[in-house]
Amino acid sequence: VIKDDHPVVAAVLDILRQHIEKLEKENCKLKERVLHVERQCGVRQWY
């Protein structure tokens, strides 16, 4: 039973890993956008 489940578990882990990578990329883009807006507004100049 465990051997039969193994490919399913691997597939789910792969999907989760891809989803996490996508979220990390989006997070980086959002951080860059926030920094850009703060620079334009002159907010948080200690960055």
N, C-alpha and C. Protein backbone atom coordinates (compact mmCIF):
# COMPACT_ATOMS: atom_id res chain seq x y z
N VAL A 1 0.84 -1.21 0.00
CA VAL A 1 0.00 0.00 0.00
C VAL A 1 0.87 1.25 0.00
N ILE A 2 1.90 1.24 0.82
CA ILE A 2 2.79 2.40 0.91
C ILE A 2 3.49 2.63 -0.43
N LYS A 3 3.91 1.54 -1.08
CA LYS A 3 4.59 1.69 -2.37
C LYS A 3 3.65 2.29 -3.42
N ASP A 4 2.38 1.92 -3.37
CA ASP A 4 1.41 2.47 -4.33
C ASP A 4 1.16 3.95 -4.07
N ASP A 5 1.19 4.34 -2.81
CA ASP A 5 0.93 5.74 -2.45
C ASP A 5 2.12 6.65 -2.76
N HIS A 6 3.29 6.07 -2.84
CA HIS A 6 4.50 6.88 -2.96
C HIS A 6 4.49 7.84 -4.16
N PRO A 7 4.10 7.39 -5.38
CA PRO A 7 4.07 8.33 -6.51
C PRO A 7 3.10 9.49 -6.29
N VAL A 8 1.99 9.20 -5.61
CA VAL A 8 1.01 10.25 -5.33
C VAL A 8 1.60 11.29 -4.38
N VAL A 9 2.26 10.81 -3.35
CA VAL A 9 2.90 11.72 -2.39
C VAL A 9 3.96 12.56 -3.10
N ALA A 10 4.77 11.93 -3.94
CA ALA A 10 5.81 12.64 -4.67
C ALA A 10 5.20 13.71 -5.58
N ALA A 11 4.09 13.38 -6.23
CA ALA A 11 3.43 14.33 -7.12
C ALA A 11 2.89 15.52 -6.34
N VAL A 12 2.28 15.24 -5.20
CA VAL A 12 1.75 16.32 -4.36
C VAL A 12 2.87 17.22 -3.87
N LEU A 13 3.97 16.63 -3.43
CA LEU A 13 5.12 17.41 -2.97
C LEU A 13 5.67 18.28 -4.10
N ASP A 14 5.71 17.73 -5.31
CA ASP A 14 6.21 18.48 -6.46
C ASP A 14 5.32 19.68 -6.75
N ILE A 15 4.00 19.47 -6.69
CA ILE A 15 3.04 20.56 -6.92
C ILE A 15 3.22 21.64 -5.85
N LEU A 16 3.36 21.21 -4.60
CA LEU A 16 3.55 22.18 -3.52
C LEU A 16 4.84 22.97 -3.70
N ARG A 17 5.91 22.26 -4.10
CA ARG A 17 7.20 22.94 -4.30
C ARG A 17 7.10 24.00 -5.39
N GLN A 18 6.44 23.64 -6.50
CA GLN A 18 6.26 24.59 -7.59
C GLN A 18 5.43 25.78 -7.14
N HIS A 19 4.39 25.52 -6.33
CA HIS A 19 3.52 26.58 -5.84
C HIS A 19 4.30 27.53 -4.94
N ILE A 20 5.15 26.96 -4.08
CA ILE A 20 5.97 27.77 -3.17
C ILE A 20 6.94 28.64 -3.97
N GLU A 21 7.57 28.07 -5.00
CA GLU A 21 8.50 28.84 -5.83
C GLU A 21 7.78 30.00 -6.50
N LYS A 22 6.55 29.75 -6.98
CA LYS A 22 5.76 30.79 -7.62
C LYS A 22 5.44 31.90 -6.62
N LEU A 23 5.06 31.52 -5.42
CA LEU A 23 4.73 32.50 -4.38
C LEU A 23 5.97 33.31 -4.00
N GLU A 24 7.13 32.67 -3.93
CA GLU A 24 8.36 33.38 -3.58
C GLU A 24 8.71 34.42 -4.64
N LYS A 25 8.52 34.06 -5.93
CA LYS A 25 8.78 35.01 -7.00
C LYS A 25 7.83 36.20 -6.91
N GLU A 26 6.54 35.92 -6.65
CA GLU A 26 5.55 37.00 -6.52
C GLU A 26 5.89 37.88 -5.33
N ASN A 27 6.35 37.27 -4.24
CA ASN A 27 6.72 38.00 -3.04
C ASN A 27 7.88 38.96 -3.34
N CYS A 28 8.87 38.49 -4.09
CA CYS A 28 10.01 39.34 -4.46
C CYS A 28 9.54 40.52 -5.30
N LYS A 29 8.64 40.27 -6.25
CA LYS A 29 8.12 41.35 -7.09
C LYS A 29 7.37 42.38 -6.26
N LEU A 30 6.58 41.90 -5.29
CA LEU A 30 5.82 42.81 -4.43
C LEU A 30 6.76 43.66 -3.59
N LYS A 31 7.82 43.05 -3.05
CA LYS A 31 8.78 43.80 -2.24
C LYS A 31 9.44 44.89 -3.07
N GLU A 32 9.82 44.55 -4.32
CA GLU A 32 10.45 45.54 -5.20
C GLU A 32 9.49 46.69 -5.48
N ARG A 33 8.21 46.36 -5.69
CA ARG A 33 7.20 47.38 -5.98
C ARG A 33 7.01 48.30 -4.77
N VAL A 34 6.97 47.70 -3.57
CA VAL A 34 6.81 48.48 -2.35
C VAL A 34 7.99 49.43 -2.17
N LEU A 35 9.20 48.92 -2.36
CA LEU A 35 10.39 49.75 -2.24
C LEU A 35 10.36 50.89 -3.25
N HIS A 36 9.93 50.60 -4.47
CA HIS A 36 9.86 51.61 -5.53
C HIS A 36 8.88 52.72 -5.15
N VAL A 37 7.70 52.33 -4.66
CA VAL A 37 6.68 53.30 -4.26
C VAL A 37 7.17 54.14 -3.09
N GLU A 38 7.82 53.49 -2.12
CA GLU A 38 8.32 54.23 -0.96
C GLU A 38 9.39 55.24 -1.36
N ARG A 39 10.23 54.87 -2.32
CA ARG A 39 11.25 55.80 -2.80
C ARG A 39 10.59 56.99 -3.49
N GLN A 40 9.58 56.72 -4.32
CA GLN A 40 8.89 57.79 -5.03
C GLN A 40 8.20 58.75 -4.06
N CYS A 41 7.64 58.21 -2.99
CA CYS A 41 6.89 59.01 -2.02
C CYS A 41 7.82 59.64 -0.98
N GLY A 42 9.07 59.23 -0.98
CA GLY A 42 10.01 59.73 0.01
C GLY A 42 9.74 59.17 1.39
N VAL A 43 9.06 58.02 1.44
CA VAL A 43 8.73 57.39 2.71
C VAL A 43 9.84 56.41 3.08
N ARG A 44 10.10 56.28 4.36
CA ARG A 44 11.11 55.33 4.86
C ARG A 44 12.44 55.50 4.12
N GLN A 45 13.03 56.64 4.24
CA GLN A 45 14.27 56.92 3.52
C GLN A 45 15.45 56.16 4.09
N TRP A 46 15.26 55.52 5.24
CA TRP A 46 16.37 54.75 5.82
C TRP A 46 16.55 53.40 5.16
N TYR A 47 15.72 53.10 4.18
CA TYR A 47 15.88 51.83 3.45
C TYR A 47 17.12 51.88 2.59
